[in-house]
Amino acid sequence: MNMKQTVEYLTRAIEAKQPHRVVTGNPIMLMTGLADPKYQKVLETADLVVPDGAGVVWAARRLKQPVAERVAGFDLMHELFAVGDKRGWSVYLLGTTQEILDAAHAKLAEKYPGIRFVGKRNGYFKDEDDAEVVADIRRAQPDMLFVARSVANQEPWIAKHERELGVPVMMGVGGSFDVISGKLKRAPALFRKMGLEWFYRLLQEPKRARRMLVLPQFALKVVKDGDNVLKTR
C-alpha cells in the first residue's frame, strides 16, 4: 500500500478498535532478523510491515517485487496524528529520555490540539517494570501507542505485550521523538529523495557509524542472494 492507503487502513482499524502491531521495516531490522530467529518471528508476525527504509524500497525493486512507495514511519506517524487531530483520537507516548519525551509531547500537543494525550513514559525501565508500564497503558486506553526505544527491544517489547495492550495502532518510531523534540534535525527533502537520510543522521550522530556498517552488508546480501532468487524463478 502507498501512504494514503496505509493511513486509510489504519484509520479503519482505529475506528473499529482492532489491535494492529505496525513494524516500520528497514535494513537494520531485516539484518537483525537474519541473525536472530526470535527477532525474525517478531517481524513476520506483525499485522502490518511498511517499507520505511530507502534500502528496503531499493531491495524490493531489485527483486522485481516493487512496493507502491516508501512509507516512512516518521511521516506515517504524522499522517495519523493529522487524521486523529480531526477525530479526537487518543495517544500514549513511550520511550526515549524524559527530557526529549516532554519536549516532543509539547511540540505535538501544540501542532495537533485535537489529539488527546492520555499518557507518556520514558523508555528507561527494566523488564521487571513491564507489568506496571503495560497496566498504565491499559488504563489510558489510547487509540495509538508510539514506542521509541532501541532496535533490540522496541519491536520485541511491543510484540511481547501486544495482546495485553490491545491498542488499535502500536508502532515503534525509533528516533522520531528526537527529531520532533528538536534535538535532531530531519534530513532535508533532497537527502530523503536520494535515499541518504541515514547519512544525514550519521552526520549529526557520528557515534552511529558502527551501527551503520550493516547497510553495506545488507546491500551486498541483496545483490548476492537476490540474484540467486531471480535465477531460480
C-alpha atoms as a PDB file:
ATOM      1  CA  MET A   1       0.000   0.000   0.000  1.00  0.00           C
ATOM      2  CA  ASN A   2       1.068   3.580  -0.553  1.00  0.00           C
ATOM      3  CA  MET A   3       0.960   6.154   2.255  1.00  0.00           C
ATOM      4  CA  LYS A   4      -2.640   7.206   1.603  1.00  0.00           C
ATOM      5  CA  GLN A   5      -3.871   3.595   1.580  1.00  0.00           C
ATOM      6  CA  THR A   6      -1.869   2.773   4.703  1.00  0.00           C
ATOM      7  CA  VAL A   7      -3.403   5.692   6.606  1.00  0.00           C
ATOM      8  CA  GLU A   8      -6.890   4.697   5.466  1.00  0.00           C
ATOM      9  CA  TYR A   9      -6.262   1.091   6.504  1.00  0.00           C
ATOM     10  CA  LEU A  10      -5.085   2.083   9.978  1.00  0.00           C
ATOM     11  CA  THR A  11      -7.882   4.617  10.324  1.00  0.00           C
ATOM     12  CA  ARG A  12     -10.381   1.795   9.837  1.00  0.00           C
ATOM     13  CA  ALA A  13      -8.511  -0.277  12.429  1.00  0.00           C
ATOM     14  CA  ILE A  14      -8.690   2.543  14.970  1.00  0.00           C
ATOM     15  CA  GLU A  15     -12.356   3.261  14.324  1.00  0.00           C
ATOM     16  CA  ALA A  16     -13.126  -0.461  14.701  1.00  0.00           C
ATOM     17  CA  LYS A  17     -10.881  -0.764  17.808  1.00  0.00           C
ATOM     18  CA  GLN A  18      -8.962  -3.633  16.186  1.00  0.00           C
ATOM     19  CA  PRO A  19      -5.402  -4.030  17.572  1.00  0.00           C
ATOM     20  CA  HIS A  20      -2.655  -3.722  14.962  1.00  0.00           C
ATOM     21  CA  ARG A  21       1.078  -4.032  15.514  1.00  0.00           C
ATOM     22  CA  VAL A  22       2.887  -2.000  12.870  1.00  0.00           C
ATOM     23  CA  VAL A  23       6.560  -2.516  12.006  1.00  0.00           C
ATOM     24  CA  THR A  24       8.432   0.157  10.064  1.00  0.00           C
ATOM     25  CA  GLY A  25      10.803  -2.126   8.200  1.00  0.00           C
ATOM     26  CA  ASN A  26      14.357  -1.009   7.491  1.00  0.00           C
ATOM     27  CA  PRO A  27      17.634  -2.764   6.579  1.00  0.00           C
ATOM     28  CA  ILE A  28      18.904  -2.821  10.170  1.00  0.00           C
ATOM     29  CA  MET A  29      15.784  -4.651  11.321  1.00  0.00           C
ATOM     30  CA  LEU A  30      15.988  -7.126   8.450  1.00  0.00           C
ATOM     31  CA  MET A  31      19.629  -7.918   9.127  1.00  0.00           C
ATOM     32  CA  THR A  32      18.895  -8.278  12.848  1.00  0.00           C
ATOM     33  CA  GLY A  33      16.177 -10.764  11.945  1.00  0.00           C
ATOM     34  CA  LEU A  34      18.600 -12.812   9.845  1.00  0.00           C
ATOM     35  CA  ALA A  35      20.935 -13.085  12.821  1.00  0.00           C
ATOM     36  CA  ASP A  36      18.225 -13.709  15.429  1.00  0.00           C
ATOM     37  CA  PRO A  37      15.320 -16.117  14.706  1.00  0.00           C
ATOM     38  CA  LYS A  38      13.269 -14.718  17.600  1.00  0.00           C
ATOM     39  CA  TYR A  39      13.551 -11.216  16.201  1.00  0.00           C
ATOM     40  CA  GLN A  40      12.684 -12.531  12.742  1.00  0.00           C
ATOM     41  CA  LYS A  41       9.485 -14.018  14.144  1.00  0.00           C
ATOM     42  CA  VAL A  42       8.602 -10.642  15.650  1.00  0.00           C
ATOM     43  CA  LEU A  43       8.868  -9.103  12.173  1.00  0.00           C
ATOM     44  CA  GLU A  44       6.978 -11.883  10.415  1.00  0.00           C
ATOM     45  CA  THR A  45       4.060 -11.897  12.848  1.00  0.00           C
ATOM     46  CA  ALA A  46       3.370  -8.142  12.691  1.00  0.00           C
ATOM     47  CA  ASP A  47      -0.072  -7.152  11.454  1.00  0.00           C
ATOM     48  CA  LEU A  48       1.467  -4.658   9.063  1.00  0.00           C
ATOM     49  CA  VAL A  49       5.016  -4.030   7.858  1.00  0.00           C
ATOM     50  CA  VAL A  50       5.603  -0.803   5.968  1.00  0.00           C
ATOM     51  CA  PRO A  51       8.696  -0.128   3.803  1.00  0.00           C
ATOM     52  CA  ASP A  52      10.312   2.546   5.955  1.00  0.00           C
ATOM     53  CA  GLY A  53      13.921   2.434   4.800  1.00  0.00           C
ATOM     54  CA  ALA A  54      15.111   3.528   1.363  1.00  0.00           C
ATOM     55  CA  GLY A  55      17.203   0.354   1.308  1.00  0.00           C
ATOM     56  CA  VAL A  56      14.074  -1.784   1.624  1.00  0.00           C
ATOM     57  CA  VAL A  57      12.441   0.061  -1.268  1.00  0.00           C
ATOM     58  CA  TRP A  58      15.577  -0.473  -3.380  1.00  0.00           C
ATOM     59  CA  ALA A  59      15.777  -4.166  -2.453  1.00  0.00           C
ATOM     60  CA  ALA A  60      12.125  -4.753  -3.346  1.00  0.00           C
ATOM     61  CA  ARG A  61      12.638  -3.083  -6.715  1.00  0.00           C
ATOM     62  CA  ARG A  62      15.780  -5.123  -7.407  1.00  0.00           C
ATOM     63  CA  LEU A  63      13.916  -8.341  -6.615  1.00  0.00           C
ATOM     64  CA  LYS A  64      11.219  -7.259  -9.075  1.00  0.00           C
ATOM     65  CA  GLN A  65       8.644  -7.022  -6.289  1.00  0.00           C
ATOM     66  CA  PRO A  66       8.450  -3.226  -6.014  1.00  0.00           C
ATOM     67  CA  VAL A  67       6.445  -1.561  -3.262  1.00  0.00           C
ATOM     68  CA  ALA A  68       3.952   1.200  -4.078  1.00  0.00           C
ATOM     69  CA  GLU A  69       6.168   3.786  -2.399  1.00  0.00           C
ATOM     70  CA  ARG A  70       8.285   4.335   0.663  1.00  0.00           C
ATOM     71  CA  VAL A  71       6.101   4.669   3.770  1.00  0.00           C
ATOM     72  CA  ALA A  72       8.463   6.271   6.279  1.00  0.00           C
ATOM     73  CA  GLY A  73       7.461   5.693   9.894  1.00  0.00           C
ATOM     74  CA  PHE A  74       8.078   9.342  10.789  1.00  0.00           C
ATOM     75  CA  ASP A  75       5.705  10.519   8.067  1.00  0.00           C
ATOM     76  CA  LEU A  76       3.145   7.807   8.805  1.00  0.00           C
ATOM     77  CA  MET A  77       3.030   8.860  12.441  1.00  0.00           C
ATOM     78  CA  HIS A  78       2.368  12.482  11.462  1.00  0.00           C
ATOM     79  CA  GLU A  79      -0.273  11.453   8.917  1.00  0.00           C
ATOM     80  CA  LEU A  80      -2.066   9.509  11.645  1.00  0.00           C
ATOM     81  CA  PHE A  81      -1.761  12.469  14.006  1.00  0.00           C
ATOM     82  CA  ALA A  82      -3.340  14.691  11.344  1.00  0.00           C
ATOM     83  CA  VAL A  83      -6.336  12.367  10.988  1.00  0.00           C
ATOM     84  CA  GLY A  84      -6.583  11.882  14.740  1.00  0.00           C
ATOM     85  CA  ASP A  85      -6.480  15.638  15.269  1.00  0.00           C
ATOM     86  CA  LYS A  86      -9.807  15.905  13.442  1.00  0.00           C
ATOM     87  CA  ARG A  87     -11.333  12.810  15.042  1.00  0.00           C
ATOM     88  CA  GLY A  88     -10.238  13.306  18.634  1.00  0.00           C
ATOM     89  CA  TRP A  89      -8.091  10.188  18.851  1.00  0.00           C
ATOM     90  CA  SER A  90      -6.034   9.489  21.970  1.00  0.00           C
ATOM     91  CA  VAL A  91      -2.293   8.826  22.070  1.00  0.00           C
ATOM     92  CA  TYR A  92       0.237   7.367  24.506  1.00  0.00           C
ATOM     93  CA  LEU A  93       3.951   8.175  24.045  1.00  0.00           C
ATOM     94  CA  LEU A  94       6.516   5.702  25.353  1.00  0.00           C
ATOM     95  CA  GLY A  95      10.288   5.842  25.157  1.00  0.00           C
ATOM     96  CA  THR A  96      13.471   7.946  24.946  1.00  0.00           C
ATOM     97  CA  THR A  97      14.648  10.205  27.815  1.00  0.00           C
ATOM     98  CA  GLN A  98      12.229  12.198  29.942  1.00  0.00           C
ATOM     99  CA  GLU A  99      13.615  15.489  28.632  1.00  0.00           C
ATOM    100  CA  ILE A 100      13.182  14.542  24.977  1.00  0.00           C
ATOM    101  CA  LEU A 101       9.809  12.934  25.666  1.00  0.00           C
ATOM    102  CA  ASP A 102       8.487  16.072  27.357  1.00  0.00           C
ATOM    103  CA  ALA A 103       9.745  18.298  24.544  1.00  0.00           C
ATOM    104  CA  ALA A 104       8.273  16.032  21.849  1.00  0.00           C
ATOM    105  CA  HIS A 105       4.959  15.905  23.697  1.00  0.00           C
ATOM    106  CA  ALA A 106       4.825  19.692  23.925  1.00  0.00           C
ATOM    107  CA  LYS A 107       5.537  20.120  20.204  1.00  0.00           C
ATOM    108  CA  LEU A 108       2.959  17.511  19.197  1.00  0.00           C
ATOM    109  CA  ALA A 109       0.295  18.919  21.530  1.00  0.00           C
ATOM    110  CA  GLU A 110       0.811  22.358  20.008  1.00  0.00           C
ATOM    111  CA  LYS A 111       0.663  21.102  16.426  1.00  0.00           C
ATOM    112  CA  TYR A 112      -2.265  18.709  16.947  1.00  0.00           C
ATOM    113  CA  PRO A 113      -4.594  20.289  19.537  1.00  0.00           C
ATOM    114  CA  GLY A 114      -7.371  17.832  18.711  1.00  0.00           C
ATOM    115  CA  ILE A 115      -5.294  14.857  19.875  1.00  0.00           C
ATOM    116  CA  ARG A 116      -5.876  13.667  23.431  1.00  0.00           C
ATOM    117  CA  PHE A 117      -2.531  12.731  25.002  1.00  0.00           C
ATOM    118  CA  VAL A 118      -3.583  10.216  27.635  1.00  0.00           C
ATOM    119  CA  GLY A 119      -0.155   9.165  28.884  1.00  0.00           C
ATOM    120  CA  LYS A 120       3.600   9.217  28.463  1.00  0.00           C
ATOM    121  CA  ARG A 121       6.568   7.448  29.986  1.00  0.00           C
ATOM    122  CA  ASN A 122      10.284   7.472  29.230  1.00  0.00           C
ATOM    123  CA  GLY A 123      11.917   4.336  27.882  1.00  0.00           C
ATOM    124  CA  TYR A 124      14.331   3.796  30.751  1.00  0.00           C
ATOM    125  CA  PHE A 125      12.597   0.996  32.606  1.00  0.00           C
ATOM    126  CA  LYS A 126      13.620  -2.599  33.332  1.00  0.00           C
ATOM    127  CA  ASP A 127      11.919  -5.880  32.479  1.00  0.00           C
ATOM    128  CA  GLU A 128      10.541  -6.097  35.998  1.00  0.00           C
ATOM    129  CA  ASP A 129       8.728  -2.799  35.380  1.00  0.00           C
ATOM    130  CA  ASP A 130       6.903  -4.094  32.304  1.00  0.00           C
ATOM    131  CA  ALA A 131       3.722  -5.032  34.169  1.00  0.00           C
ATOM    132  CA  GLU A 132       3.465  -1.522  35.629  1.00  0.00           C
ATOM    133  CA  VAL A 133       4.028   0.109  32.227  1.00  0.00           C
ATOM    134  CA  VAL A 134       1.514  -2.157  30.489  1.00  0.00           C
ATOM    135  CA  ALA A 135      -1.062  -1.541  33.225  1.00  0.00           C
ATOM    136  CA  ASP A 136      -0.673   2.224  32.823  1.00  0.00           C
ATOM    137  CA  ILE A 137      -1.225   1.991  29.064  1.00  0.00           C
ATOM    138  CA  ARG A 138      -4.253  -0.269  29.553  1.00  0.00           C
ATOM    139  CA  ARG A 139      -5.779   2.234  31.960  1.00  0.00           C
ATOM    140  CA  ALA A 140      -5.229   5.037  29.458  1.00  0.00           C
ATOM    141  CA  GLN A 141      -6.864   3.063  26.602  1.00  0.00           C
ATOM    142  CA  PRO A 142      -5.168   5.015  23.796  1.00  0.00           C
ATOM    143  CA  ASP A 143      -6.095   4.712  20.139  1.00  0.00           C
ATOM    144  CA  MET A 144      -2.410   4.875  19.218  1.00  0.00           C
ATOM    145  CA  LEU A 145       0.752   3.866  21.058  1.00  0.00           C
ATOM    146  CA  PHE A 146       4.100   5.108  19.739  1.00  0.00           C
ATOM    147  CA  VAL A 147       7.207   3.476  21.179  1.00  0.00           C
ATOM    148  CA  ALA A 148      10.692   4.987  20.827  1.00  0.00           C
ATOM    149  CA  ARG A 149      13.288   2.544  22.099  1.00  0.00           C
ATOM    150  CA  SER A 150      16.334   0.768  20.655  1.00  0.00           C
ATOM    151  CA  VAL A 151      16.124  -1.689  17.760  1.00  0.00           C
ATOM    152  CA  ALA A 152      16.951  -4.513  20.163  1.00  0.00           C
ATOM    153  CA  ASN A 153      13.896  -4.086  22.381  1.00  0.00           C
ATOM    154  CA  GLN A 154      11.421  -1.816  20.617  1.00  0.00           C
ATOM    155  CA  GLU A 155       9.666  -4.324  18.340  1.00  0.00           C
ATOM    156  CA  PRO A 156      10.169  -7.320  20.684  1.00  0.00           C
ATOM    157  CA  TRP A 157       8.652  -5.366  23.589  1.00  0.00           C
ATOM    158  CA  ILE A 158       5.552  -4.400  21.614  1.00  0.00           C
ATOM    159  CA  ALA A 159       5.157  -7.967  20.302  1.00  0.00           C
ATOM    160  CA  LYS A 160       5.506  -9.451  23.780  1.00  0.00           C
ATOM    161  CA  HIS A 161       2.748  -7.294  25.236  1.00  0.00           C
ATOM    162  CA  GLU A 162       0.506  -6.604  22.247  1.00  0.00           C
ATOM    163  CA  ARG A 163      -2.377  -8.786  23.454  1.00  0.00           C
ATOM    164  CA  GLU A 164      -2.395  -7.231  26.903  1.00  0.00           C
ATOM    165  CA  LEU A 165      -2.124  -3.742  25.438  1.00  0.00           C
ATOM    166  CA  GLY A 166      -4.881  -4.184  22.870  1.00  0.00           C
ATOM    167  CA  VAL A 167      -4.177  -0.783  21.279  1.00  0.00           C
ATOM    168  CA  PRO A 168      -5.570  -0.266  17.742  1.00  0.00           C
ATOM    169  CA  VAL A 169      -2.226   1.063  16.457  1.00  0.00           C
ATOM    170  CA  MET A 170       1.011   0.042  18.190  1.00  0.00           C
ATOM    171  CA  MET A 171       4.083   1.257  16.343  1.00  0.00           C
ATOM    172  CA  GLY A 172       7.786   1.619  17.012  1.00  0.00           C
ATOM    173  CA  VAL A 173       9.111   5.008  15.927  1.00  0.00           C
ATOM    174  CA  GLY A 174      12.816   4.795  16.773  1.00  0.00           C
ATOM    175  CA  GLY A 175      14.448   8.217  16.899  1.00  0.00           C
ATOM    176  CA  SER A 176      11.347  10.138  15.823  1.00  0.00           C
ATOM    177  CA  PHE A 177      10.914  11.793  19.221  1.00  0.00           C
ATOM    178  CA  ASP A 178      14.490  13.115  18.932  1.00  0.00           C
ATOM    179  CA  VAL A 179      13.549  14.892  15.713  1.00  0.00           C
ATOM    180  CA  ILE A 180      10.165  16.114  16.924  1.00  0.00           C
ATOM    181  CA  SER A 181      11.707  17.497  20.120  1.00  0.00           C
ATOM    182  CA  GLY A 182      14.290  19.433  18.138  1.00  0.00           C
ATOM    183  CA  LYS A 183      17.295  17.514  19.446  1.00  0.00           C
ATOM    184  CA  LEU A 184      17.998  16.306  15.915  1.00  0.00           C
ATOM    185  CA  LYS A 185      17.066  17.730  12.528  1.00  0.00           C
ATOM    186  CA  ARG A 186      15.316  15.613   9.958  1.00  0.00           C
ATOM    187  CA  ALA A 187      17.150  15.149   6.688  1.00  0.00           C
ATOM    188  CA  PRO A 188      16.266  17.741   4.011  1.00  0.00           C
ATOM    189  CA  ALA A 189      13.910  16.585   1.243  1.00  0.00           C
ATOM    190  CA  LEU A 190      16.806  16.173  -1.205  1.00  0.00           C
ATOM    191  CA  PHE A 191      18.569  13.708   1.108  1.00  0.00           C
ATOM    192  CA  ARG A 192      15.320  11.768   1.597  1.00  0.00           C
ATOM    193  CA  LYS A 193      14.651  11.684  -2.128  1.00  0.00           C
ATOM    194  CA  MET A 194      18.155  10.328  -2.783  1.00  0.00           C
ATOM    195  CA  GLY A 195      17.808   7.687  -0.058  1.00  0.00           C
ATOM    196  CA  LEU A 196      20.524   9.322   2.033  1.00  0.00           C
ATOM    197  CA  GLU A 197      18.526  10.076   5.162  1.00  0.00           C
ATOM    198  CA  TRP A 198      20.773   7.618   7.038  1.00  0.00           C
ATOM    199  CA  PHE A 199      23.848   9.620   6.002  1.00  0.00           C
ATOM    200  CA  TYR A 200      22.361  12.885   7.261  1.00  0.00           C
ATOM    201  CA  ARG A 201      21.566  11.178  10.570  1.00  0.00           C
ATOM    202  CA  LEU A 202      25.150   9.912  10.728  1.00  0.00           C
ATOM    203  CA  LEU A 203      26.478  13.441  10.258  1.00  0.00           C
ATOM    204  CA  GLN A 204      24.503  14.500  13.329  1.00  0.00           C
ATOM    205  CA  GLU A 205      25.369  11.411  15.360  1.00  0.00           C
ATOM    206  CA  PRO A 206      28.828  10.086  14.379  1.00  0.00           C
ATOM    207  CA  LYS A 207      28.568   7.516  17.170  1.00  0.00           C
ATOM    208  CA  ARG A 208      26.102   5.631  14.934  1.00  0.00           C
ATOM    209  CA  ALA A 209      28.912   4.807  12.479  1.00  0.00           C
ATOM    210  CA  ARG A 210      29.406   1.280  13.773  1.00  0.00           C
ATOM    211  CA  ARG A 211      25.693   0.564  13.569  1.00  0.00           C
ATOM    212  CA  MET A 212      25.577   1.873  10.007  1.00  0.00           C
ATOM    213  CA  LEU A 213      28.082  -0.754   8.874  1.00  0.00           C
ATOM    214  CA  VAL A 214      25.121  -3.087   8.493  1.00  0.00           C
ATOM    215  CA  LEU A 215      23.877  -1.071   5.495  1.00  0.00           C
ATOM    216  CA  PRO A 216      26.604  -2.157   3.028  1.00  0.00           C
ATOM    217  CA  GLN A 217      26.240  -5.694   4.391  1.00  0.00           C
ATOM    218  CA  PHE A 218      22.538  -5.541   3.595  1.00  0.00           C
ATOM    219  CA  ALA A 219      23.201  -4.238   0.088  1.00  0.00           C
ATOM    220  CA  LEU A 220      25.724  -6.998  -0.619  1.00  0.00           C
ATOM    221  CA  LYS A 221      23.331  -9.657   0.629  1.00  0.00           C
ATOM    222  CA  VAL A 222      20.506  -8.318  -1.525  1.00  0.00           C
ATOM    223  CA  VAL A 223      22.751  -8.358  -4.594  1.00  0.00           C
ATOM    224  CA  LYS A 224      24.158 -11.834  -3.908  1.00  0.00           C
ATOM    225  CA  ASP A 225      21.051 -13.644  -2.657  1.00  0.00           C
ATOM    226  CA  GLY A 226      18.679 -11.587  -4.776  1.00  0.00           C
ATOM    227  CA  ASP A 227      20.399 -12.595  -7.992  1.00  0.00           C
ATOM    228  CA  ASN A 228      20.202 -16.242  -6.941  1.00  0.00           C
ATOM    229  CA  VAL A 229      16.469 -15.883  -6.258  1.00  0.00           C
ATOM    230  CA  LEU A 230      15.834 -14.270  -9.617  1.00  0.00           C
ATOM    231  CA  LYS A 231      17.764 -17.017 -11.427  1.00  0.00           C
ATOM    232  CA  THR A 232      15.602 -19.755  -9.874  1.00  0.00           C
ATOM    233  CA  ARG A 233      12.287 -18.183 -10.860  1.00  0.00           C
END
